PDB file of N, CA and C in Angstrom:
ATOM      1  N   MET A   1       0.765  -1.216   0.002  1.00  0.00           N
ATOM      2  CA  MET A   1      -0.004   0.024   0.019  1.00  0.00           C
ATOM      3  C   MET A   1       0.840   1.196   0.095  1.00  0.00           C
ATOM      4  N   LYS A   2       1.905   1.247   0.850  1.00  0.00           N
ATOM      5  CA  LYS A   2       2.771   2.420   0.927  1.00  0.00           C
ATOM      6  C   LYS A   2       3.490   2.677  -0.410  1.00  0.00           C
ATOM      7  N   LYS A   3       3.912   1.593  -1.069  1.00  0.00           N
ATOM      8  CA  LYS A   3       4.541   1.655  -2.446  1.00  0.00           C
ATOM      9  C   LYS A   3       3.567   2.360  -3.446  1.00  0.00           C
ATOM     10  N   ARG A   4       2.303   1.935  -3.350  1.00  0.00           N
ATOM     11  CA  ARG A   4       1.397   2.529  -4.284  1.00  0.00           C
ATOM     12  C   ARG A   4       1.155   4.021  -4.086  1.00  0.00           C
ATOM     13  N   TYR A   5       1.130   4.496  -2.857  1.00  0.00           N
ATOM     14  CA  TYR A   5       1.139   5.905  -2.533  1.00  0.00           C
ATOM     15  C   TYR A   5       2.288   6.638  -3.028  1.00  0.00           C
ATOM     16  N   MET A   6       3.421   6.087  -2.812  1.00  0.00           N
ATOM     17  CA  MET A   6       4.727   6.627  -3.370  1.00  0.00           C
ATOM     18  C   MET A   6       4.683   6.811  -4.867  1.00  0.00           C
ATOM     19  N   LEU A   7       4.198   5.795  -5.460  1.00  0.00           N
ATOM     20  CA  LEU A   7       4.156   5.771  -6.958  1.00  0.00           C
ATOM     21  C   LEU A   7       3.189   6.947  -7.479  1.00  0.00           C
ATOM     22  N   MET A   8       2.078   7.039  -6.867  1.00  0.00           N
ATOM     23  CA  MET A   8       1.102   7.961  -7.084  1.00  0.00           C
ATOM     24  C   MET A   8       1.526   9.315  -6.984  1.00  0.00           C
ATOM     25  N   ILE A   9       2.346   9.588  -5.787  1.00  0.00           N
ATOM     26  CA  ILE A   9       2.864  10.858  -5.546  1.00  0.00           C
ATOM     27  C   ILE A   9       3.880  11.295  -6.630  1.00  0.00           C
ATOM     28  N   ALA A  10       4.831  10.292  -6.920  1.00  0.00           N
ATOM     29  CA  ALA A  10       5.709  10.507  -8.036  1.00  0.00           C
ATOM     30  C   ALA A  10       5.079  10.898  -9.378  1.00  0.00           C
ATOM     31  N   LEU A  11       4.014  10.128  -9.669  1.00  0.00           N
ATOM     32  CA  LEU A  11       3.357  10.388 -10.920  1.00  0.00           C
ATOM     33  C   LEU A  11       2.732  11.769 -10.953  1.00  0.00           C
ATOM     34  N   ILE A  12       2.082  12.183  -9.765  1.00  0.00           N
ATOM     35  CA  ILE A  12       1.428  13.546  -9.730  1.00  0.00           C
ATOM     36  C   ILE A  12       2.488  14.654  -9.866  1.00  0.00           C
ATOM     37  N   ALA A  13       3.695  14.381  -9.182  1.00  0.00           N
ATOM     38  CA  ALA A  13       4.804  15.276  -9.267  1.00  0.00           C
ATOM     39  C   ALA A  13       5.384  15.486 -10.623  1.00  0.00           C
ATOM     40  N   PHE A  14       5.425  14.418 -11.338  1.00  0.00           N
ATOM     41  CA  PHE A  14       5.936  14.402 -12.746  1.00  0.00           C
ATOM     42  C   PHE A  14       4.962  15.213 -13.651  1.00  0.00           C
ATOM     43  N   VAL A  15       3.686  14.958 -13.489  1.00  0.00           N
ATOM     44  CA  VAL A  15       2.650  15.652 -14.253  1.00  0.00           C
ATOM     45  C   VAL A  15       2.707  17.121 -13.980  1.00  0.00           C
ATOM     46  N   LEU A  16       2.743  17.449 -12.696  1.00  0.00           N
ATOM     47  CA  LEU A  16       2.816  18.940 -12.358  1.00  0.00           C
ATOM     48  C   LEU A  16       4.126  19.609 -12.934  1.00  0.00           C
ATOM     49  N   ILE A  17       5.248  18.924 -12.998  1.00  0.00           N
ATOM     50  CA  ILE A  17       6.427  19.379 -13.509  1.00  0.00           C
ATOM     51  C   ILE A  17       6.190  19.544 -15.032  1.00  0.00           C
ATOM     52  N   MET A  18       5.625  18.600 -15.720  1.00  0.00           N
ATOM     53  CA  MET A  18       5.263  18.719 -17.094  1.00  0.00           C
ATOM     54  C   MET A  18       4.430  19.918 -17.427  1.00  0.00           C
ATOM     55  N   VAL A  19       3.446  20.255 -16.684  1.00  0.00           N
ATOM     56  CA  VAL A  19       2.483  21.189 -16.826  1.00  0.00           C
ATOM     57  C   VAL A  19       3.218  22.651 -16.629  1.00  0.00           C
ATOM     58  N   VAL A  20       4.006  22.818 -15.618  1.00  0.00           N
ATOM     59  CA  VAL A  20       4.633  23.941 -15.343  1.00  0.00           C
ATOM     60  C   VAL A  20       5.593  24.313 -16.314  1.00  0.00           C
ATOM     61  N   THR A  21       6.362  23.329 -16.857  1.00  0.00           N
ATOM     62  CA  THR A  21       7.443  23.523 -17.718  1.00  0.00           C
ATOM     63  C   THR A  21       7.055  23.456 -19.179  1.00  0.00           C
ATOM     64  N   ASN A  22       5.774  23.471 -19.473  1.00  0.00           N
ATOM     65  CA  ASN A  22       5.232  23.385 -20.995  1.00  0.00           C
ATOM     66  C   ASN A  22       5.593  24.816 -21.520  1.00  0.00           C
ATOM     67  N   PRO A  23       6.520  24.870 -22.484  1.00  0.00           N
ATOM     68  CA  PRO A  23       6.784  26.191 -23.059  1.00  0.00           C
ATOM     69  C   PRO A  23       5.663  26.908 -23.807  1.00  0.00           C
ATOM     70  N   LYS A  24       5.593  28.139 -23.774  1.00  0.00           N
ATOM     71  CA  LYS A  24       4.713  29.042 -24.409  1.00  0.00           C
ATOM     72  C   LYS A  24       5.182  29.350 -25.879  1.00  0.00           C
ATOM     73  N   GLN A  25       4.266  29.862 -26.683  1.00  0.00           N
ATOM     74  CA  GLN A  25       4.604  30.169 -28.098  1.00  0.00           C
ATOM     75  C   GLN A  25       5.747  31.198 -28.020  1.00  0.00           C
ATOM     76  N   GLU A  26       5.749  32.167 -27.109  1.00  0.00           N
ATOM     77  CA  GLU A  26       6.828  33.259 -27.055  1.00  0.00           C
ATOM     78  C   GLU A  26       8.101  32.502 -26.913  1.00  0.00           C
ATOM     79  N   ASP A  27       8.152  31.456 -26.095  1.00  0.00           N
ATOM     80  CA  ASP A  27       9.507  30.698 -25.822  1.00  0.00           C
ATOM     81  C   ASP A  27       9.870  30.062 -27.141  1.00  0.00           C
ATOM     82  N   TYR A  28       8.824  29.484 -27.855  1.00  0.00           N
ATOM     83  CA  TYR A  28       9.257  28.808 -29.014  1.00  0.00           C
ATOM     84  C   TYR A  28       9.697  29.823 -30.139  1.00  0.00           C
ATOM     85  N   VAL A  29       9.063  30.956 -30.220  1.00  0.00           N
ATOM     86  CA  VAL A  29       9.605  31.955 -31.235  1.00  0.00           C
ATOM     87  C   VAL A  29      10.975  32.389 -30.882  1.00  0.00           C
ATOM     88  N   ASN A  30      11.299  32.637 -29.592  1.00  0.00           N
ATOM     89  CA  ASN A  30      12.679  32.911 -29.162  1.00  0.00           C
ATOM     90  C   ASN A  30      13.723  31.895 -29.633  1.00  0.00           C
ATOM     91  N   TRP A  31      13.332  30.648 -29.322  1.00  0.00           N
ATOM     92  CA  TRP A  31      14.158  29.443 -29.598  1.00  0.00           C
ATOM     93  C   TRP A  31      14.430  29.245 -31.123  1.00  0.00           C
ATOM     94  N   ALA A  32      13.280  29.368 -31.820  1.00  0.00           N
ATOM     95  CA  ALA A  32      13.456  29.294 -33.331  1.00  0.00           C
ATOM     96  C   ALA A  32      14.298  30.396 -33.815  1.00  0.00           C
ATOM     97  N   THR A  33      14.089  31.619 -33.387  1.00  0.00           N
ATOM     98  CA  THR A  33      14.902  32.785 -33.901  1.00  0.00           C
ATOM     99  C   THR A  33      16.426  32.536 -33.633  1.00  0.00           C
ATOM    100  N   ASN A  34      16.704  31.984 -32.373  1.00  0.00           N
ATOM    101  CA  ASN A  34      18.081  31.732 -31.983  1.00  0.00           C
ATOM    102  C   ASN A  34      18.593  30.645 -32.865  1.00  0.00           C
ATOM    103  N   GLU A  35      17.854  29.599 -33.172  1.00  0.00           N
ATOM    104  CA  GLU A  35      18.326  28.500 -34.032  1.00  0.00           C
ATOM    105  C   GLU A  35      18.749  29.040 -35.396  1.00  0.00           C
ATOM    106  N   LEU A  36      17.846  29.834 -35.979  1.00  0.00           N
ATOM    107  CA  LEU A  36      18.024  30.458 -37.311  1.00  0.00           C
ATOM    108  C   LEU A  36      19.339  31.403 -37.374  1.00  0.00           C
ATOM    109  N   THR A  37      19.640  32.014 -36.285  1.00  0.00           N
ATOM    110  CA  THR A  37      20.668  33.070 -36.235  1.00  0.00           C
ATOM    111  C   THR A  37      21.842  32.578 -35.526  1.00  0.00           C
ATOM    112  N   ALA A  38      21.989  31.326 -35.158  1.00  0.00           N
ATOM    113  CA  ALA A  38      23.032  30.873 -34.400  1.00  0.00           C
ATOM    114  C   ALA A  38      24.434  30.964 -35.045  1.00  0.00           C
ATOM    115  N   ASP A  39      24.441  30.704 -36.292  1.00  0.00           N
ATOM    116  CA  ASP A  39      25.813  30.768 -36.963  1.00  0.00           C
ATOM    117  C   ASP A  39      26.123  32.024 -37.694  1.00  0.00           C
ATOM    118  N   LYS A  40      25.299  33.071 -37.503  1.00  0.00           N
ATOM    119  CA  LYS A  40      25.453  34.286 -38.056  1.00  0.00           C
ATOM    120  C   LYS A  40      26.326  35.271 -37.177  1.00  0.00           C
ATOM    121  N   GLY A  41      26.931  36.307 -37.711  1.00  0.00           N
ATOM    122  CA  GLY A  41      27.595  37.254 -37.041  1.00  0.00           C
ATOM    123  C   GLY A  41      26.702  38.108 -36.018  1.00  0.00           C
ATOM    124  N   ILE A  42      27.377  38.763 -35.097  1.00  0.00           N
ATOM    125  CA  ILE A  42      26.529  39.455 -34.056  1.00  0.00           C
ATOM    126  C   ILE A  42      25.613  40.633 -34.681  1.00  0.00           C
ATOM    127  N   LEU A  43      26.170  41.369 -35.627  1.00  0.00           N
ATOM    128  CA  LEU A  43      25.301  42.412 -36.259  1.00  0.00           C
ATOM    129  C   LEU A  43      24.208  41.810 -37.160  1.00  0.00           C
ATOM    130  N   LEU A  44      24.481  40.647 -37.749  1.00  0.00           N
ATOM    131  CA  LEU A  44      23.492  40.091 -38.615  1.00  0.00           C
ATOM    132  C   LEU A  44      22.405  39.441 -37.742  1.00  0.00           C
ATOM    133  N   SER A  45      22.894  38.861 -36.633  1.00  0.00           N
ATOM    134  CA  SER A  45      21.903  38.242 -35.626  1.00  0.00           C
ATOM    135  C   SER A  45      21.005  39.324 -34.994  1.00  0.00           C
ATOM    136  N   LEU A  46      21.467  40.469 -34.709  1.00  0.00           N
ATOM    137  CA  LEU A  46      20.563  41.477 -34.127  1.00  0.00           C
ATOM    138  C   LEU A  46      19.533  41.821 -35.145  1.00  0.00           C
ATOM    139  N   GLY A  47      19.938  42.115 -36.373  1.00  0.00           N
ATOM    140  CA  GLY A  47      18.994  42.456 -37.400  1.00  0.00           C
ATOM    141  C   GLY A  47      17.981  41.344 -37.702  1.00  0.00           C
ATOM    142  N   ALA A  48      18.377  40.113 -37.769  1.00  0.00           N
ATOM    143  CA  ALA A  48      17.590  38.982 -37.990  1.00  0.00           C
ATOM    144  C   ALA A  48      16.655  38.765 -36.926  1.00  0.00           C
ATOM    145  N   ASN A  49      17.039  38.987 -35.658  1.00  0.00           N
ATOM    146  CA  ASN A  49      16.214  38.768 -34.501  1.00  0.00           C
ATOM    147  C   ASN A  49      14.876  39.634 -34.707  1.00  0.00           C
ATOM    148  N   GLN A  50      15.167  40.898 -35.064  1.00  0.00           N
ATOM    149  CA  GLN A  50      14.018  41.834 -35.165  1.00  0.00           C
ATOM    150  C   GLN A  50      13.042  41.543 -36.243  1.00  0.00           C
ATOM    151  N   LEU A  51      13.585  40.986 -37.317  1.00  0.00           N
ATOM    152  CA  LEU A  51      12.882  40.687 -38.539  1.00  0.00           C
ATOM    153  C   LEU A  51      12.177  39.187 -38.396  1.00  0.00           C
ATOM    154  N   ALA A  52      12.951  38.331 -37.897  1.00  0.00           N
ATOM    155  CA  ALA A  52      12.517  36.894 -37.887  1.00  0.00           C
ATOM    156  C   ALA A  52      11.362  36.657 -36.730  1.00  0.00           C
ATOM    157  N   LYS A  53      11.491  37.287 -35.623  1.00  0.00           N
ATOM    158  CA  LYS A  53      10.426  36.985 -34.595  1.00  0.00           C
ATOM    159  C   LYS A  53       9.021  37.240 -35.056  1.00  0.00           C
ATOM    160  N   PRO A  54       8.629  38.340 -35.591  1.00  0.00           N
ATOM    161  CA  PRO A  54       7.250  38.512 -35.996  1.00  0.00           C
ATOM    162  C   PRO A  54       6.801  37.582 -37.124  1.00  0.00           C
ATOM    163  N   VAL A  55       7.785  37.237 -37.990  1.00  0.00           N
ATOM    164  CA  VAL A  55       7.456  36.343 -39.070  1.00  0.00           C
ATOM    165  C   VAL A  55       7.153  34.915 -38.566  1.00  0.00           C
ATOM    166  N   ILE A  56       8.110  34.453 -37.728  1.00  0.00           N
ATOM    167  CA  ILE A  56       7.889  33.172 -37.122  1.00  0.00           C
ATOM    168  C   ILE A  56       6.696  33.079 -36.300  1.00  0.00           C
ATOM    169  N   ASP A  57       6.364  34.093 -35.504  1.00  0.00           N
ATOM    170  CA  ASP A  57       5.170  34.130 -34.654  1.00  0.00           C
ATOM    171  C   ASP A  57       3.897  34.071 -35.441  1.00  0.00           C
ATOM    172  N   SER A  58       3.860  34.754 -36.618  1.00  0.00           N
ATOM    173  CA  SER A  58       2.582  34.832 -37.291  1.00  0.00           C
ATOM    174  C   SER A  58       2.393  33.595 -38.112  1.00  0.00           C
ATOM    175  N   ALA A  59       3.602  32.760 -38.489  1.00  0.00           N
ATOM    176  CA  ALA A  59       3.594  31.603 -39.372  1.00  0.00           C
ATOM    177  C   ALA A  59       3.459  30.389 -38.450  1.00  0.00           C
ATOM    178  N   THR A  60       3.311  30.426 -37.080  1.00  0.00           N
ATOM    179  CA  THR A  60       3.232  29.273 -36.222  1.00  0.00           C
ATOM    180  C   THR A  60       1.998  29.049 -35.697  1.00  0.00           C
ATOM    181  N   GLU A  61       1.427  27.870 -35.728  1.00  0.00           N
ATOM    182  CA  GLU A  61       0.176  27.352 -35.143  1.00  0.00           C
ATOM    183  C   GLU A  61       0.572  26.534 -33.887  1.00  0.00           C
ATOM    184  N   THR A  62       0.125  26.777 -32.773  1.00  0.00           N
ATOM    185  CA  THR A  62       0.342  26.126 -31.544  1.00  0.00           C
ATOM    186  C   THR A  62      -0.796  25.205 -31.088  1.00  0.00           C
ATOM    187  N   THR A  63      -0.507  23.957 -30.764  1.00  0.00           N
ATOM    188  CA  THR A  63      -1.484  23.221 -30.197  1.00  0.00           C
ATOM    189  C   THR A  63      -0.964  22.727 -28.809  1.00  0.00           C
ATOM    190  N   ASN A  64      -1.729  23.179 -27.748  1.00  0.00           N
ATOM    191  CA  ASN A  64      -1.317  22.914 -26.316  1.00  0.00           C
ATOM    192  C   ASN A  64      -1.978  21.796 -25.759  1.00  0.00           C
ATOM    193  N   PHE A  65      -1.256  20.714 -25.336  1.00  0.00           N
ATOM    194  CA  PHE A  65      -1.773  19.447 -24.752  1.00  0.00           C
ATOM    195  C   PHE A  65      -1.533  19.441 -23.225  1.00  0.00           C
ATOM    196  N   MET A  66      -1.368  20.628 -22.694  1.00  0.00           N
ATOM    197  CA  MET A  66      -1.086  20.818 -21.223  1.00  0.00           C
ATOM    198  C   MET A  66       0.201  20.282 -20.757  1.00  0.00           C
ATOM    199  N   LEU A  67       0.547  19.097 -21.031  1.00  0.00           N
ATOM    200  CA  LEU A  67       1.834  18.455 -20.671  1.00  0.00           C
ATOM    201  C   LEU A  67       2.936  18.820 -21.640  1.00  0.00           C
ATOM    202  N   PHE A  68       2.648  19.069 -22.886  1.00  0.00           N
ATOM    203  CA  PHE A  68       3.531  19.433 -23.955  1.00  0.00           C
ATOM    204  C   PHE A  68       2.825  20.210 -25.010  1.00  0.00           C
ATOM    205  N   SER A  69       3.533  20.906 -25.902  1.00  0.00           N
ATOM    206  CA  SER A  69       2.901  21.633 -27.028  1.00  0.00           C
ATOM    207  C   SER A  69       3.515  21.282 -28.309  1.00  0.00           C
ATOM    208  N   VAL A  70       2.732  21.290 -29.287  1.00  0.00           N
ATOM    209  CA  VAL A  70       3.136  21.088 -30.714  1.00  0.00           C
ATOM    210  C   VAL A  70       3.075  22.379 -31.530  1.00  0.00           C
ATOM    211  N   TYR A  71       4.222  22.754 -32.113  1.00  0.00           N
ATOM    212  CA  TYR A  71       4.313  24.010 -32.867  1.00  0.00           C
ATOM    213  C   TYR A  71       4.519  23.645 -34.373  1.00  0.00           C
ATOM    214  N   LYS A  72       3.620  24.176 -35.315  1.00  0.00           N
ATOM    215  CA  LYS A  72       3.774  23.927 -36.624  1.00  0.00           C
ATOM    216  C   LYS A  72       3.975  25.266 -37.357  1.00  0.00           C
ATOM    217  N   THR A  73       5.198  25.403 -37.867  1.00  0.00           N
ATOM    218  CA  THR A  73       5.568  26.665 -38.574  1.00  0.00           C
ATOM    219  C   THR A  73       5.626  26.428 -40.055  1.00  0.00           C
ATOM    220  N   ALA A  74       4.853  27.307 -40.754  1.00  0.00           N
ATOM    221  CA  ALA A  74       4.853  27.231 -42.188  1.00  0.00           C
ATOM    222  C   ALA A  74       6.141  28.077 -42.667  1.00  0.00           C
ATOM    223  N   VAL A  75       6.895  27.390 -43.627  1.00  0.00           N
ATOM    224  CA  VAL A  75       8.100  27.998 -44.225  1.00  0.00           C
ATOM    225  C   VAL A  75       7.692  28.425 -45.633  1.00  0.00           C
ATOM    226  N   PRO A  76       7.533  29.709 -45.852  1.00  0.00           N
ATOM    227  CA  PRO A  76       6.986  30.175 -47.161  1.00  0.00           C
ATOM    228  C   PRO A  76       7.848  29.862 -48.374  1.00  0.00           C
ATOM    229  N   HIS A  77       9.176  30.003 -48.205  1.00  0.00           N
ATOM    230  CA  HIS A  77       9.995  29.857 -49.365  1.00  0.00           C
ATOM    231  C   HIS A  77      10.142  28.457 -50.020  1.00  0.00           C
ATOM    232  N   ASN A  78       9.738  27.476 -49.310  1.00  0.00           N
ATOM    233  CA  ASN A  78       9.777  26.141 -49.963  1.00  0.00           C
ATOM    234  C   ASN A  78       8.439  25.334 -49.602  1.00  0.00           C
ATOM    235  N   ASP A  79       7.372  26.036 -49.168  1.00  0.00           N
ATOM    236  CA  ASP A  79       6.158  25.484 -48.926  1.00  0.00           C
ATOM    237  C   ASP A  79       6.115  24.260 -47.993  1.00  0.00           C
ATOM    238  N   SER A  80       6.934  24.322 -46.949  1.00  0.00           N
ATOM    239  CA  SER A  80       7.043  23.196 -46.047  1.00  0.00           C
ATOM    240  C   SER A  80       6.425  23.544 -44.680  1.00  0.00           C
ATOM    241  N   ILE A  81       6.276  22.614 -43.771  1.00  0.00           N
ATOM    242  CA  ILE A  81       5.908  22.934 -42.475  1.00  0.00           C
ATOM    243  C   ILE A  81       6.827  22.214 -41.487  1.00  0.00           C
ATOM    244  N   VAL A  82       7.429  23.002 -40.461  1.00  0.00           N
ATOM    245  CA  VAL A  82       8.318  22.479 -39.596  1.00  0.00           C
ATOM    246  C   VAL A  82       7.560  22.256 -38.347  1.00  0.00           C
ATOM    247  N   THR A  83       7.670  20.982 -37.897  1.00  0.00           N
ATOM    248  CA  THR A  83       6.958  20.599 -36.671  1.00  0.00           C
ATOM    249  C   THR A  83       7.933  20.372 -35.454  1.00  0.00           C
ATOM    250  N   THR A  84       7.604  21.017 -34.421  1.00  0.00           N
ATOM    251  CA  THR A  84       8.428  20.983 -33.224  1.00  0.00           C
ATOM    252  C   THR A  84       7.605  20.699 -31.961  1.00  0.00           C
ATOM    253  N   VAL A  85       8.180  19.894 -31.059  1.00  0.00           N
ATOM    254  CA  VAL A  85       7.503  19.467 -29.715  1.00  0.00           C
ATOM    255  C   VAL A  85       8.216  20.237 -28.731  1.00  0.00           C
ATOM    256  N   GLY A  86       7.477  20.989 -27.828  1.00  0.00           N
ATOM    257  CA  GLY A  86       8.069  21.612 -26.654  1.00  0.00           C
ATOM    258  C   GLY A  86       7.530  20.892 -25.373  1.00  0.00           C
ATOM    259  N   LEU A  87       8.603  20.489 -24.494  1.00  0.00           N
ATOM    260  CA  LEU A  87       8.231  19.917 -23.276  1.00  0.00           C
ATOM    261  C   LEU A  87       9.383  20.141 -22.320  1.00  0.00           C
ATOM    262  N   LEU A  88       9.167  20.272 -21.079  1.00  0.00           N
ATOM    263  CA  LEU A  88      10.172  20.414 -20.077  1.00  0.00           C
ATOM    264  C   LEU A  88      11.159  21.539 -20.390  1.00  0.00           C
ATOM    265  N   ASN A  89      10.545  22.713 -20.859  1.00  0.00           N
ATOM    266  CA  ASN A  89      11.270  23.888 -21.305  1.00  0.00           C
ATOM    267  C   ASN A  89      12.396  23.510 -22.416  1.00  0.00           C
ATOM    268  N   GLN A  90      12.124  22.480 -23.184  1.00  0.00           N
ATOM    269  CA  GLN A  90      13.052  22.113 -24.276  1.00  0.00           C
ATOM    270  C   GLN A  90      12.203  21.879 -25.543  1.00  0.00           C
ATOM    271  N   PHE A  91      12.914  22.005 -26.766  1.00  0.00           N
ATOM    272  CA  PHE A  91      12.206  22.017 -28.000  1.00  0.00           C
ATOM    273  C   PHE A  91      12.946  20.845 -28.798  1.00  0.00           C
ATOM    274  N   ILE A  92      12.088  20.040 -29.446  1.00  0.00           N
ATOM    275  CA  ILE A  92      12.553  18.958 -30.277  1.00  0.00           C
ATOM    276  C   ILE A  92      11.909  19.184 -31.640  1.00  0.00           C
ATOM    277  N   GLN A  93      12.821  19.339 -32.635  1.00  0.00           N
ATOM    278  CA  GLN A  93      12.199  19.430 -34.044  1.00  0.00           C
ATOM    279  C   GLN A  93      12.029  18.088 -34.550  1.00  0.00           C
ATOM    280  N   THR A  94      10.765  17.744 -34.936  1.00  0.00           N
ATOM    281  CA  THR A  94      10.408  16.407 -35.336  1.00  0.00           C
ATOM    282  C   THR A  94      10.411  16.153 -36.874  1.00  0.00           C
ATOM    283  N   GLU A  95       9.979  17.168 -37.647  1.00  0.00           N
ATOM    284  CA  GLU A  95       9.910  16.958 -39.009  1.00  0.00           C
ATOM    285  C   GLU A  95       9.763  18.245 -39.833  1.00  0.00           C
ATOM    286  N   ALA A  96      10.150  18.156 -41.045  1.00  0.00           N
ATOM    287  CA  ALA A  96       9.871  19.358 -41.934  1.00  0.00           C
ATOM    288  C   ALA A  96       9.147  18.668 -43.172  1.00  0.00           C
ATOM    289  N   ALA A  97       7.857  18.764 -43.142  1.00  0.00           N
ATOM    290  CA  ALA A  97       6.991  18.146 -44.119  1.00  0.00           C
ATOM    291  C   ALA A  97       6.765  19.043 -45.237  1.00  0.00           C
ATOM    292  N   GLU A  98       6.637  18.561 -46.474  1.00  0.00           N
ATOM    293  CA  GLU A  98       6.188  19.547 -47.536  1.00  0.00           C
ATOM    294  C   GLU A  98       4.927  19.308 -47.845  1.00  0.00           C
TER     295      GLU A  98
END
């Protein structure tokens, strides 16, 4: 019986951590912008940040599943959609579908 309670408490704690650390769209936009400008020079990065953030934000559709979120960003120049999963304050790019 005690083992069951400990398992239930651990599961509840894990779910709460997942809910609290589920990233918002603003976090995703910042992450995606940093990924795009990571290998650019400092001046180019500053300009790209100001231009890319509103474009990424408007091109992204977010689906929030409470424990994690799925971000689908349309890439206009090649008509593809980049899908990214956000959980535990991390982002995992899963696919770029055409």
